[in-house]
Amino acid sequence: MQQELDKLIRSTVNGLGYELWGYEYRLQTESALLRIFIESEKGINLDDCSTVSRQIGAALDVDDLIPVAYILEISSPGVDRVLFDANQYERYLGEKIKVRTRIPVDGRRNFKGKMVAVSDTDVTVEIDNLDYDIPFEVVDRARVLMDVRPKKPQK
């Protein structure tokens, strides 16, 4: 089912002329959440999200890939974007990120610091001058933390 869902999402988003940034599928007991992030060189607006939502929703209804009631959300990745693969991590090397893991790594599950390295298998986050190597396989969610506050004037 996961492969069919992935294929449907990728082909629909790409077929509409957007880039698939990534998606999250969370299945609960009686419902599911499908959150899809789309990107475009010209940016994403509400009409873009509506277009993708209608097409994905119709395709899901026809193929009946989600066996329970579901919520479908379509959005841009935004400024504090969720990271899905090593290539995306590499784009933001040197930036501050927040990572939550499914199981503890070095005794903790939440990491907030500077991303200092990325490999095919893990990301390294520096926190208080200590490096933490976090395997991608245990990452529950990672996002870039962009500082959009205005800089204080220097004296």
Protein backbone atom coordinates (compact mmCIF):
# COMPACT_ATOMS: atom_id res chain seq x y z
CA MET A 1 0.00 0.00 0.00
CA GLN A 2 2.82 2.44 0.86
CA GLN A 3 4.43 2.03 -2.57
CA GLU A 4 1.12 2.65 -4.36
CA LEU A 5 0.45 5.72 -2.21
CA ASP A 6 3.95 7.06 -2.91
CA LYS A 7 3.54 6.51 -6.65
CA LEU A 8 0.12 8.19 -6.69
CA ILE A 9 1.36 11.25 -4.77
CA ARG A 10 4.55 11.66 -6.83
CA SER A 11 2.88 11.22 -10.21
CA THR A 12 -0.02 13.55 -9.36
CA VAL A 13 2.11 16.35 -7.89
CA ASN A 14 4.72 16.17 -10.66
CA GLY A 15 2.02 15.85 -13.32
CA LEU A 16 0.52 19.13 -12.13
CA GLY A 17 3.90 20.84 -12.53
CA TYR A 18 4.97 21.02 -8.88
CA GLU A 19 7.91 19.53 -7.02
CA LEU A 20 7.07 17.08 -4.26
CA TRP A 21 9.08 18.26 -1.24
CA GLY A 22 7.82 15.34 0.84
CA TYR A 23 4.85 13.94 2.69
CA GLU A 24 3.86 12.49 6.04
CA TYR A 25 1.39 9.66 6.40
CA ARG A 26 0.21 8.93 9.92
CA LEU A 27 -2.22 6.07 10.36
CA GLN A 28 -4.13 5.92 13.62
CA THR A 29 -6.71 3.43 14.79
CA GLU A 30 -9.77 4.92 13.11
CA SER A 31 -8.34 7.70 10.95
CA ALA A 32 -5.27 8.86 9.07
CA LEU A 33 -3.48 12.09 8.25
CA LEU A 34 -1.82 12.64 4.89
CA ARG A 35 0.20 15.88 4.83
CA ILE A 36 1.83 16.72 1.49
CA PHE A 37 4.38 19.50 0.97
CA ILE A 38 4.71 20.93 -2.54
CA GLU A 39 7.26 23.35 -3.96
CA SER A 40 7.56 25.50 -7.07
CA GLU A 41 10.17 27.96 -8.34
CA LYS A 42 7.51 30.68 -8.37
CA GLY A 43 6.30 29.82 -4.85
CA ILE A 44 3.14 28.17 -3.62
CA ASN A 45 -0.19 29.87 -3.01
CA LEU A 46 -3.61 28.75 -1.82
CA ASP A 47 -4.83 28.03 -5.37
CA ASP A 48 -1.86 25.69 -5.91
CA CYS A 49 -2.70 23.81 -2.71
CA SER A 50 -6.38 23.57 -3.70
CA THR A 51 -5.51 22.22 -7.16
CA VAL A 52 -3.25 19.51 -5.74
CA SER A 53 -5.77 18.69 -2.98
CA ARG A 54 -8.61 18.16 -5.48
CA GLN A 55 -6.50 15.92 -7.71
CA ILE A 56 -4.96 13.86 -4.89
CA GLY A 57 -8.35 13.54 -3.15
CA ALA A 58 -10.05 12.32 -6.32
CA ALA A 59 -7.25 9.84 -7.05
CA LEU A 60 -7.31 8.52 -3.47
CA ASP A 61 -11.08 8.04 -3.66
CA VAL A 62 -10.80 6.10 -6.92
CA ASP A 63 -7.87 3.90 -5.85
CA ASP A 64 -9.11 3.53 -2.23
CA LEU A 65 -5.52 3.39 -0.90
CA ILE A 66 -6.30 4.66 2.59
CA PRO A 67 -8.50 2.12 4.40
CA VAL A 68 -9.92 4.56 6.99
CA ALA A 69 -11.32 8.09 7.10
CA TYR A 70 -8.48 10.53 6.45
CA ILE A 71 -7.54 14.19 6.56
CA LEU A 72 -5.65 15.50 3.54
CA GLU A 73 -3.46 18.59 3.99
CA ILE A 74 -1.49 20.26 1.20
CA SER A 75 0.97 23.10 1.87
CA SER A 76 4.29 24.61 0.96
CA PRO A 77 7.28 23.49 3.02
CA GLY A 78 7.38 27.01 4.51
CA VAL A 79 10.32 28.75 6.11
CA ASP A 80 10.79 26.22 8.93
CA ARG A 81 10.63 23.35 6.46
CA VAL A 82 10.47 19.69 7.34
CA LEU A 83 13.40 17.69 5.94
CA PHE A 84 12.75 14.31 4.33
CA ASP A 85 15.96 13.09 2.70
CA ALA A 86 19.75 13.53 2.76
CA ASN A 87 19.71 15.87 -0.26
CA GLN A 88 17.37 18.24 1.55
CA TYR A 89 19.53 18.13 4.67
CA GLU A 90 22.59 19.01 2.56
CA ARG A 91 20.83 22.11 1.17
CA TYR A 92 20.69 23.50 4.71
CA LEU A 93 24.09 22.41 6.03
CA GLY A 94 25.30 25.01 8.55
CA GLU A 95 21.77 26.05 9.51
CA LYS A 96 20.04 25.52 12.84
CA ILE A 97 17.72 22.49 12.87
CA LYS A 98 15.42 20.73 15.28
CA VAL A 99 15.33 16.92 15.24
CA ARG A 100 12.98 14.61 17.14
CA THR A 101 13.82 10.90 17.20
CA ARG A 102 11.59 7.85 17.71
CA ILE A 103 14.09 6.31 20.13
CA PRO A 104 16.76 7.96 22.31
CA VAL A 105 20.15 8.76 20.80
CA ASP A 106 22.85 9.44 23.39
CA GLY A 107 20.10 9.55 26.03
CA ARG A 108 17.89 12.14 24.34
CA ARG A 109 15.13 12.36 21.75
CA ASN A 110 15.10 16.10 20.99
CA PHE A 111 17.98 17.97 19.39
CA LYS A 112 18.16 21.66 18.53
CA GLY A 113 21.43 22.97 17.16
CA LYS A 114 23.61 23.63 14.14
CA MET A 115 23.73 20.97 11.44
CA VAL A 116 27.45 20.40 10.89
CA ALA A 117 27.54 17.25 8.72
CA VAL A 118 25.33 15.01 6.58
CA SER A 119 26.05 11.56 5.20
CA ASP A 120 23.92 8.94 3.44
CA THR A 121 22.99 7.45 6.81
CA ASP A 122 22.96 10.23 9.40
CA VAL A 123 23.00 13.90 10.29
CA THR A 124 25.35 15.51 12.81
CA VAL A 125 23.99 18.27 15.03
CA GLU A 126 26.23 20.43 17.23
CA ILE A 127 24.74 21.44 20.57
CA ASP A 128 26.83 23.29 23.17
CA ASN A 129 30.09 22.29 21.41
CA LEU A 130 29.11 18.58 21.40
CA ASP A 131 28.37 16.68 18.17
CA TYR A 132 25.47 14.23 18.04
CA ASP A 133 25.31 11.76 15.15
CA ILE A 134 21.66 10.96 14.51
CA PRO A 135 20.83 8.07 12.14
CA PHE A 136 18.12 8.95 9.61
CA GLU A 137 16.37 5.65 10.39
CA VAL A 138 15.44 6.90 13.90
CA VAL A 139 14.44 10.46 12.91
CA ASP A 140 10.75 11.04 13.54
CA ARG A 141 10.83 14.64 12.29
CA ALA A 142 13.46 17.20 11.40
CA ARG A 143 12.97 20.80 10.42
CA VAL A 144 15.07 23.83 9.56
CA LEU A 145 14.82 26.67 12.08
CA MET A 146 15.22 29.89 10.14
CA ASP A 147 15.69 33.04 12.19
CA VAL A 148 13.40 35.60 10.56
CA ARG A 149 13.63 38.18 13.33
CA PRO A 150 15.12 41.52 12.29
CA LYS A 151 18.75 41.92 13.26
CA LYS A 152 19.50 44.39 16.05
CA PRO A 153 21.33 47.49 14.86
CA GLN A 154 25.04 47.43 15.69
CA LYS A 155 26.44 50.30 17.69
